[in-house]
C-alpha cells in the first residue's frame, strides 16, 4: 500500500503528514523556528516517497538533507523536481508560492472549478482557479497571528494575552478590552474574507466553491458564511496528487 510523507514548510509551522491512498493517517506539526533533526526521529513509519512544499528556502535544504539521512530516500521538492500542472497567469509566475499553487491544484481536483482557496497561514491568502482550471491570481493579507501579535505588542495599554485565552464572542460588541480585541479579530477577518470572496466570485462565469484551509481556519470560518468547506489537509493532499500523478 502506497505511503507517502508530505511536508509543508511554512514561515510559522512545519506540517508533516503521512498519507495513505490520498488520506492523511498521521500528522506532526511543530514551529518552524524550533526545527531540529531530532524531530524526524518521531516518524517511525515505513514510507515509499517524500514530497516537500516550502516557502522557507533557508530551512528546506537542512530538512531535505536530514530526511535523506533519516530515511535513505531523496525527497522530491515541488517547484524544483516536479511542477504543479496548472496554468499560472501571474505576471511573473515565479512569484507565486508553491503552497498557493499546490492549494489551487489540490482544490481543483477535489472540489472542481472555478474554486476559491482561502488559506489562513502566516499570511492570509486568497487564490482563484478559473472555470478553465487556470490559476488567475489572488490576494495576500497579514495573517491572524501577525495582526494579533502586532496589536498586543504595539498598543501599550492593551493586555498581552493569547487569543486562545479568551472565549470566542457570540456578538461583535466586546464588554472588556480582551473581548473587544478578540471580537475585532474574528469579526474583522470574517468580514474581510466575505468582502474579498464576493469580489473574486465576480470574476467567475460560473459559481465558484470556496475552500478554507490553514492553521487559523477554525478560528475564523464560523464568522465567514462565504467559506463553504474546510479542508485542513488541502496542501498535503495536493502533494500526494502531485507525486503520484506526475512525479513517478
C-alpha atoms as a PDB file:
ATOM      1  CA  UNK A   1       0.000   0.000   0.000  1.00  0.00           C
ATOM      2  CA  UNK A   2       1.422   3.386  -1.013  1.00  0.00           C
ATOM      3  CA  UNK A   3       2.589   5.525   1.914  1.00  0.00           C
ATOM      4  CA  UNK A   4       3.977   8.982   1.318  1.00  0.00           C
ATOM      5  CA  UNK A   5       5.434  11.587   3.651  1.00  0.00           C
ATOM      6  CA  UNK A   6       4.200  15.053   2.635  1.00  0.00           C
ATOM      7  CA  UNK A   7       5.900  18.066   4.197  1.00  0.00           C
ATOM      8  CA  UNK A   8       4.670  21.662   4.085  1.00  0.00           C
ATOM      9  CA  UNK A   9       7.422  24.008   5.324  1.00  0.00           C
ATOM     10  CA  UNK A  10       5.809  27.303   6.270  1.00  0.00           C
ATOM     11  CA  UNK A  11       7.021  30.503   7.893  1.00  0.00           C
ATOM     12  CA  UNK A  12       5.280  29.646  11.176  1.00  0.00           C
ATOM     13  CA  UNK A  13       4.914  25.855  11.234  1.00  0.00           C
ATOM     14  CA  UNK A  14       6.211  22.717   9.594  1.00  0.00           C
ATOM     15  CA  UNK A  15       3.269  20.445   8.801  1.00  0.00           C
ATOM     16  CA  UNK A  16       4.150  16.794   8.129  1.00  0.00           C
ATOM     17  CA  UNK A  17       1.561  14.263   7.056  1.00  0.00           C
ATOM     18  CA  UNK A  18       1.744  10.531   6.489  1.00  0.00           C
ATOM     19  CA  UNK A  19      -0.625   9.817   3.607  1.00  0.00           C
ATOM     20  CA  UNK A  20      -2.047   6.500   2.542  1.00  0.00           C
ATOM     21  CA  UNK A  21      -4.249   6.252  -0.542  1.00  0.00           C
ATOM     22  CA  UNK A  22      -4.501  10.044  -0.607  1.00  0.00           C
ATOM     23  CA  UNK A  23      -5.648  10.446   3.003  1.00  0.00           C
ATOM     24  CA  UNK A  24      -3.714  11.816   5.973  1.00  0.00           C
ATOM     25  CA  UNK A  25      -3.452   8.989   8.508  1.00  0.00           C
ATOM     26  CA  UNK A  26      -0.942  10.617  10.852  1.00  0.00           C
ATOM     27  CA  UNK A  27       0.316  14.148  11.371  1.00  0.00           C
ATOM     28  CA  UNK A  28       3.144  16.031  13.057  1.00  0.00           C
ATOM     29  CA  UNK A  29       3.137  19.836  13.430  1.00  0.00           C
ATOM     30  CA  UNK A  30       5.804  21.946  15.113  1.00  0.00           C
ATOM     31  CA  UNK A  31       7.082  25.545  14.897  1.00  0.00           C
ATOM     32  CA  UNK A  32       9.488  26.217  12.051  1.00  0.00           C
ATOM     33  CA  UNK A  33      11.758  28.207  14.375  1.00  0.00           C
ATOM     34  CA  UNK A  34      12.170  25.151  16.610  1.00  0.00           C
ATOM     35  CA  UNK A  35      13.121  22.671  13.895  1.00  0.00           C
ATOM     36  CA  UNK A  36      15.846  20.184  14.782  1.00  0.00           C
ATOM     37  CA  UNK A  37      16.699  16.948  13.022  1.00  0.00           C
ATOM     38  CA  UNK A  38      15.726  15.019  16.177  1.00  0.00           C
ATOM     39  CA  UNK A  39      12.110  15.884  15.335  1.00  0.00           C
ATOM     40  CA  UNK A  40      12.302  13.404  12.473  1.00  0.00           C
ATOM     41  CA  UNK A  41      13.017  10.545  14.861  1.00  0.00           C
ATOM     42  CA  UNK A  42       9.348  10.764  15.915  1.00  0.00           C
ATOM     43  CA  UNK A  43       8.441   9.386  12.471  1.00  0.00           C
ATOM     44  CA  UNK A  44       8.891   5.623  12.647  1.00  0.00           C
ATOM     45  CA  UNK A  45       6.585   4.523   9.823  1.00  0.00           C
ATOM     46  CA  UNK A  46       7.844   2.945   6.598  1.00  0.00           C
ATOM     47  CA  UNK A  47       7.366   5.213   3.609  1.00  0.00           C
ATOM     48  CA  UNK A  48       7.736   4.967  -0.140  1.00  0.00           C
ATOM     49  CA  UNK A  49       8.460   8.600  -1.004  1.00  0.00           C
ATOM     50  CA  UNK A  50       8.867  12.106   0.441  1.00  0.00           C
ATOM     51  CA  UNK A  51       7.484  15.267  -1.166  1.00  0.00           C
ATOM     52  CA  UNK A  52       8.199  18.770   0.109  1.00  0.00           C
ATOM     53  CA  UNK A  53       6.469  22.101  -0.421  1.00  0.00           C
ATOM     54  CA  UNK A  54       8.428  25.027   1.016  1.00  0.00           C
ATOM     55  CA  UNK A  55       8.229  28.804   1.257  1.00  0.00           C
ATOM     56  CA  UNK A  56      11.294  28.959   3.539  1.00  0.00           C
ATOM     57  CA  UNK A  57      14.439  28.396   1.422  1.00  0.00           C
ATOM     58  CA  UNK A  58      16.718  28.723   4.469  1.00  0.00           C
ATOM     59  CA  UNK A  59      15.070  25.657   6.041  1.00  0.00           C
ATOM     60  CA  UNK A  60      14.354  23.413   3.084  1.00  0.00           C
ATOM     61  CA  UNK A  61      17.982  22.455   2.405  1.00  0.00           C
ATOM     62  CA  UNK A  62      18.562  21.450   6.034  1.00  0.00           C
ATOM     63  CA  UNK A  63      15.359  19.446   6.186  1.00  0.00           C
ATOM     64  CA  UNK A  64      15.994  17.796   2.826  1.00  0.00           C
ATOM     65  CA  UNK A  65      19.465  16.688   3.972  1.00  0.00           C
ATOM     66  CA  UNK A  66      18.137  15.391   7.302  1.00  0.00           C
ATOM     67  CA  UNK A  67      15.315  13.483   5.600  1.00  0.00           C
ATOM     68  CA  UNK A  68      17.713  11.842   3.165  1.00  0.00           C
ATOM     69  CA  UNK A  69      19.906  10.663   6.039  1.00  0.00           C
ATOM     70  CA  UNK A  70      16.969   9.556   8.174  1.00  0.00           C
ATOM     71  CA  UNK A  71      15.036   7.565   5.561  1.00  0.00           C
ATOM     72  CA  UNK A  72      17.609   6.888   2.810  1.00  0.00           C
ATOM     73  CA  UNK A  73      15.130   8.451   0.368  1.00  0.00           C
ATOM     74  CA  UNK A  74      15.835  11.559  -1.691  1.00  0.00           C
ATOM     75  CA  UNK A  75      12.914  13.966  -1.216  1.00  0.00           C
ATOM     76  CA  UNK A  76      11.091  15.468  -4.186  1.00  0.00           C
ATOM     77  CA  UNK A  77      10.817  19.258  -3.933  1.00  0.00           C
ATOM     78  CA  UNK A  78       7.839  20.981  -5.533  1.00  0.00           C
ATOM     79  CA  UNK A  79       8.921  23.686  -7.960  1.00  0.00           C
ATOM     80  CA  UNK A  80      12.370  22.177  -8.443  1.00  0.00           C
ATOM     81  CA  UNK A  81      11.922  18.460  -9.128  1.00  0.00           C
ATOM     82  CA  UNK A  82       8.266  18.495 -10.057  1.00  0.00           C
ATOM     83  CA  UNK A  83       5.998  21.189 -11.473  1.00  0.00           C
ATOM     84  CA  UNK A  84       2.441  21.951 -10.436  1.00  0.00           C
ATOM     85  CA  UNK A  85       0.370  21.098 -13.504  1.00  0.00           C
ATOM     86  CA  UNK A  86      -1.891  24.132 -13.629  1.00  0.00           C
ATOM     87  CA  UNK A  87      -1.563  27.175 -15.964  1.00  0.00           C
ATOM     88  CA  UNK A  88      -0.203  30.089 -13.929  1.00  0.00           C
ATOM     89  CA  UNK A  89      -1.386  33.508 -15.156  1.00  0.00           C
ATOM     90  CA  UNK A  90       0.631  35.630 -12.705  1.00  0.00           C
ATOM     91  CA  UNK A  91       2.645  38.383 -14.435  1.00  0.00           C
ATOM     92  CA  UNK A  92       5.764  36.728 -13.041  1.00  0.00           C
ATOM     93  CA  UNK A  93       4.794  33.081 -12.397  1.00  0.00           C
ATOM     94  CA  UNK A  94       7.862  32.513 -10.203  1.00  0.00           C
ATOM     95  CA  UNK A  95       6.464  34.918  -7.608  1.00  0.00           C
ATOM     96  CA  UNK A  96       3.613  32.592  -6.659  1.00  0.00           C
ATOM     97  CA  UNK A  97       4.454  30.499  -3.612  1.00  0.00           C
ATOM     98  CA  UNK A  98       4.426  26.757  -4.116  1.00  0.00           C
ATOM     99  CA  UNK A  99       1.939  26.402  -1.260  1.00  0.00           C
ATOM    100  CA  UNK A 100      -0.549  28.630  -3.087  1.00  0.00           C
ATOM    101  CA  UNK A 101      -0.135  26.754  -6.371  1.00  0.00           C
ATOM    102  CA  UNK A 102      -0.444  23.361  -4.704  1.00  0.00           C
ATOM    103  CA  UNK A 103      -3.516  24.528  -2.808  1.00  0.00           C
ATOM    104  CA  UNK A 104      -5.104  25.680  -6.074  1.00  0.00           C
ATOM    105  CA  UNK A 105      -4.146  22.435  -7.804  1.00  0.00           C
ATOM    106  CA  UNK A 106      -5.420  20.266  -4.947  1.00  0.00           C
ATOM    107  CA  UNK A 107      -8.714  22.155  -4.597  1.00  0.00           C
ATOM    108  CA  UNK A 108      -9.401  21.941  -8.334  1.00  0.00           C
ATOM    109  CA  UNK A 109      -9.031  18.140  -8.178  1.00  0.00           C
ATOM    110  CA  UNK A 110     -11.042  17.627  -5.000  1.00  0.00           C
ATOM    111  CA  UNK A 111     -13.784  20.218  -5.398  1.00  0.00           C
ATOM    112  CA  UNK A 112     -13.871  21.160  -9.081  1.00  0.00           C
ATOM    113  CA  UNK A 113     -13.508  24.611 -10.608  1.00  0.00           C
ATOM    114  CA  UNK A 114     -13.910  27.521 -10.512  1.00  0.00           C
ATOM    115  CA  UNK A 115     -12.721  27.416  -6.934  1.00  0.00           C
ATOM    116  CA  UNK A 116     -11.512  29.983  -4.397  1.00  0.00           C
ATOM    117  CA  UNK A 117      -8.962  28.900  -1.789  1.00  0.00           C
ATOM    118  CA  UNK A 118      -8.662  30.851   1.466  1.00  0.00           C
ATOM    119  CA  UNK A 119      -5.528  29.848   3.380  1.00  0.00           C
ATOM    120  CA  UNK A 120      -5.127  31.092   6.962  1.00  0.00           C
ATOM    121  CA  UNK A 121      -1.372  30.866   7.458  1.00  0.00           C
ATOM    122  CA  UNK A 122       1.285  33.383   8.474  1.00  0.00           C
ATOM    123  CA  UNK A 123      -0.223  35.373   5.631  1.00  0.00           C
ATOM    124  CA  UNK A 124      -3.902  35.099   4.765  1.00  0.00           C
ATOM    125  CA  UNK A 125      -4.109  34.311   1.049  1.00  0.00           C
ATOM    126  CA  UNK A 126      -6.991  34.140  -1.397  1.00  0.00           C
ATOM    127  CA  UNK A 127      -6.469  32.336  -4.719  1.00  0.00           C
ATOM    128  CA  UNK A 128      -8.786  31.855  -7.660  1.00  0.00           C
ATOM    129  CA  UNK A 129      -8.841  28.997 -10.161  1.00  0.00           C
ATOM    130  CA  UNK A 130     -10.988  29.732 -13.211  1.00  0.00           C
ATOM    131  CA  UNK A 131     -13.621  27.587 -14.919  1.00  0.00           C
ATOM    132  CA  UNK A 132     -10.827  26.720 -17.388  1.00  0.00           C
ATOM    133  CA  UNK A 133      -8.683  25.477 -14.499  1.00  0.00           C
ATOM    134  CA  UNK A 134      -6.227  28.374 -14.715  1.00  0.00           C
ATOM    135  CA  UNK A 135      -4.576  29.978 -11.710  1.00  0.00           C
ATOM    136  CA  UNK A 136      -5.744  33.574 -12.144  1.00  0.00           C
ATOM    137  CA  UNK A 137      -4.062  35.216  -9.164  1.00  0.00           C
ATOM    138  CA  UNK A 138      -5.055  36.243  -5.680  1.00  0.00           C
ATOM    139  CA  UNK A 139      -4.806  38.445  -2.618  1.00  0.00           C
ATOM    140  CA  UNK A 140      -2.280  38.480   0.253  1.00  0.00           C
ATOM    141  CA  UNK A 141      -3.152  39.935   3.666  1.00  0.00           C
ATOM    142  CA  UNK A 142      -1.271  39.821   7.004  1.00  0.00           C
ATOM    143  CA  UNK A 143      -2.482  36.718   8.820  1.00  0.00           C
ATOM    144  CA  UNK A 144      -4.484  36.402  12.024  1.00  0.00           C
ATOM    145  CA  UNK A 145      -1.498  35.726  14.282  1.00  0.00           C
ATOM    146  CA  UNK A 146       0.548  38.547  12.743  1.00  0.00           C
ATOM    147  CA  UNK A 147      -2.252  41.035  13.366  1.00  0.00           C
ATOM    148  CA  UNK A 148      -2.939  39.775  16.879  1.00  0.00           C
ATOM    149  CA  UNK A 149       0.734  39.893  17.875  1.00  0.00           C
ATOM    150  CA  UNK A 150       1.147  43.388  16.427  1.00  0.00           C
ATOM    151  CA  UNK A 151      -1.923  44.597  18.333  1.00  0.00           C
ATOM    152  CA  UNK A 152      -0.671  43.174  21.630  1.00  0.00           C
ATOM    153  CA  UNK A 153       2.892  44.455  21.208  1.00  0.00           C
ATOM    154  CA  UNK A 154       2.269  47.894  19.717  1.00  0.00           C
ATOM    155  CA  UNK A 155      -0.733  49.093  21.762  1.00  0.00           C
ATOM    156  CA  UNK A 156       0.775  49.823  25.188  1.00  0.00           C
ATOM    157  CA  UNK A 157      -2.466  49.902  27.179  1.00  0.00           C
ATOM    158  CA  UNK A 158      -3.883  46.678  25.776  1.00  0.00           C
ATOM    159  CA  UNK A 159      -3.268  43.379  27.606  1.00  0.00           C
ATOM    160  CA  UNK A 160      -0.569  40.979  26.436  1.00  0.00           C
ATOM    161  CA  UNK A 161      -2.637  37.814  26.116  1.00  0.00           C
ATOM    162  CA  UNK A 162      -3.015  34.769  23.907  1.00  0.00           C
ATOM    163  CA  UNK A 163      -6.061  34.841  21.668  1.00  0.00           C
ATOM    164  CA  UNK A 164      -6.930  31.305  22.796  1.00  0.00           C
ATOM    165  CA  UNK A 165      -7.295  32.514  26.400  1.00  0.00           C
ATOM    166  CA  UNK A 166     -10.461  34.478  25.618  1.00  0.00           C
ATOM    167  CA  UNK A 167     -13.792  32.767  24.787  1.00  0.00           C
ATOM    168  CA  UNK A 168     -14.905  33.390  21.216  1.00  0.00           C
ATOM    169  CA  UNK A 169     -17.627  36.040  21.076  1.00  0.00           C
ATOM    170  CA  UNK A 170     -21.248  35.485  20.075  1.00  0.00           C
ATOM    171  CA  UNK A 171     -21.636  39.138  19.084  1.00  0.00           C
ATOM    172  CA  UNK A 172     -19.337  41.869  17.860  1.00  0.00           C
ATOM    173  CA  UNK A 173     -19.651  44.119  20.942  1.00  0.00           C
ATOM    174  CA  UNK A 174     -16.973  43.221  23.477  1.00  0.00           C
ATOM    175  CA  UNK A 175     -17.550  44.099  27.146  1.00  0.00           C
ATOM    176  CA  UNK A 176     -13.859  44.229  28.075  1.00  0.00           C
ATOM    177  CA  UNK A 177     -10.581  45.009  26.331  1.00  0.00           C
ATOM    178  CA  UNK A 178      -9.908  41.297  25.921  1.00  0.00           C
ATOM    179  CA  UNK A 179     -13.353  40.589  24.468  1.00  0.00           C
ATOM    180  CA  UNK A 180     -13.137  43.625  22.194  1.00  0.00           C
ATOM    181  CA  UNK A 181      -9.750  42.537  20.848  1.00  0.00           C
ATOM    182  CA  UNK A 182     -10.952  39.028  20.043  1.00  0.00           C
ATOM    183  CA  UNK A 183     -14.179  40.361  18.524  1.00  0.00           C
ATOM    184  CA  UNK A 184     -12.125  42.671  16.335  1.00  0.00           C
ATOM    185  CA  UNK A 185     -10.054  39.755  15.072  1.00  0.00           C
ATOM    186  CA  UNK A 186     -12.808  37.230  14.387  1.00  0.00           C
ATOM    187  CA  UNK A 187     -15.462  39.620  13.080  1.00  0.00           C
ATOM    188  CA  UNK A 188     -12.888  41.786  11.324  1.00  0.00           C
ATOM    189  CA  UNK A 189     -11.276  38.880   9.491  1.00  0.00           C
ATOM    190  CA  UNK A 190     -14.674  37.298   8.865  1.00  0.00           C
ATOM    191  CA  UNK A 191     -15.919  40.480   7.191  1.00  0.00           C
ATOM    192  CA  UNK A 192     -12.654  40.942   5.291  1.00  0.00           C
ATOM    193  CA  UNK A 193     -12.941  37.386   3.947  1.00  0.00           C
ATOM    194  CA  UNK A 194     -16.561  37.823   2.908  1.00  0.00           C
ATOM    195  CA  UNK A 195     -15.783  41.032   1.049  1.00  0.00           C
ATOM    196  CA  UNK A 196     -12.790  39.662  -0.846  1.00  0.00           C
ATOM    197  CA  UNK A 197     -14.542  36.385  -1.685  1.00  0.00           C
ATOM    198  CA  UNK A 198     -17.559  38.262  -3.111  1.00  0.00           C
ATOM    199  CA  UNK A 199     -15.281  40.311  -5.343  1.00  0.00           C
ATOM    200  CA  UNK A 200     -13.405  37.229  -6.512  1.00  0.00           C
ATOM    201  CA  UNK A 201     -16.683  35.481  -7.329  1.00  0.00           C
ATOM    202  CA  UNK A 202     -17.498  38.357  -9.671  1.00  0.00           C
ATOM    203  CA  UNK A 203     -14.530  37.239 -11.809  1.00  0.00           C
ATOM    204  CA  UNK A 204     -16.149  33.834 -12.435  1.00  0.00           C
ATOM    205  CA  UNK A 205     -18.701  32.992 -15.123  1.00  0.00           C
ATOM    206  CA  UNK A 206     -19.938  30.059 -13.028  1.00  0.00           C
ATOM    207  CA  UNK A 207     -20.494  29.691  -9.292  1.00  0.00           C
ATOM    208  CA  UNK A 208     -17.177  29.158  -7.509  1.00  0.00           C
ATOM    209  CA  UNK A 209     -16.901  26.869  -4.488  1.00  0.00           C
ATOM    210  CA  UNK A 210     -14.940  28.362  -1.569  1.00  0.00           C
ATOM    211  CA  UNK A 211     -12.489  26.193   0.391  1.00  0.00           C
ATOM    212  CA  UNK A 212     -10.851  27.228   3.654  1.00  0.00           C
ATOM    213  CA  UNK A 213      -7.586  25.799   4.955  1.00  0.00           C
ATOM    214  CA  UNK A 214      -4.582  26.706   7.114  1.00  0.00           C
ATOM    215  CA  UNK A 215      -3.774  26.794  10.812  1.00  0.00           C
ATOM    216  CA  UNK A 216      -6.236  29.539  11.812  1.00  0.00           C
ATOM    217  CA  UNK A 217      -9.179  28.398   9.681  1.00  0.00           C
ATOM    218  CA  UNK A 218     -11.161  27.025  12.643  1.00  0.00           C
ATOM    219  CA  UNK A 219     -10.948  30.403  14.388  1.00  0.00           C
ATOM    220  CA  UNK A 220     -12.406  32.463  11.527  1.00  0.00           C
ATOM    221  CA  UNK A 221     -14.610  30.122   9.471  1.00  0.00           C
ATOM    222  CA  UNK A 222     -17.591  30.368  11.891  1.00  0.00           C
ATOM    223  CA  UNK A 223     -17.613  34.126  11.216  1.00  0.00           C
ATOM    224  CA  UNK A 224     -17.456  33.913   7.421  1.00  0.00           C
ATOM    225  CA  UNK A 225     -20.546  32.452   5.751  1.00  0.00           C
ATOM    226  CA  UNK A 226     -18.827  32.508   2.344  1.00  0.00           C
ATOM    227  CA  UNK A 227     -16.480  29.648   3.284  1.00  0.00           C
ATOM    228  CA  UNK A 228     -18.378  26.534   2.229  1.00  0.00           C
ATOM    229  CA  UNK A 229     -15.921  23.750   3.034  1.00  0.00           C
ATOM    230  CA  UNK A 230     -12.953  23.426   5.393  1.00  0.00           C
ATOM    231  CA  UNK A 231     -10.070  21.135   4.432  1.00  0.00           C
ATOM    232  CA  UNK A 232      -7.097  21.301   6.792  1.00  0.00           C
ATOM    233  CA  UNK A 233      -5.246  18.711   4.685  1.00  0.00           C
ATOM    234  CA  UNK A 234      -5.528  20.528   1.350  1.00  0.00           C
ATOM    235  CA  UNK A 235      -1.785  21.132   0.807  1.00  0.00           C
ATOM    236  CA  UNK A 236      -0.739  17.676   1.994  1.00  0.00           C
ATOM    237  CA  UNK A 237      -3.305  16.021  -0.288  1.00  0.00           C
ATOM    238  CA  UNK A 238      -2.040  18.200  -3.130  1.00  0.00           C
ATOM    239  CA  UNK A 239       1.479  16.873  -2.602  1.00  0.00           C
ATOM    240  CA  UNK A 240       0.102  13.322  -2.817  1.00  0.00           C
ATOM    241  CA  UNK A 241      -1.669  14.110  -6.105  1.00  0.00           C
ATOM    242  CA  UNK A 242       1.404  15.860  -7.445  1.00  0.00           C
ATOM    243  CA  UNK A 243       3.722  12.934  -6.769  1.00  0.00           C
ATOM    244  CA  UNK A 244       1.544  10.028  -7.877  1.00  0.00           C
ATOM    245  CA  UNK A 245       0.153  11.769 -10.970  1.00  0.00           C
ATOM    246  CA  UNK A 246       3.328  13.385 -12.270  1.00  0.00           C
ATOM    247  CA  UNK A 247       6.276  12.564 -10.036  1.00  0.00           C
ATOM    248  CA  UNK A 248       6.794   8.870 -10.654  1.00  0.00           C
END
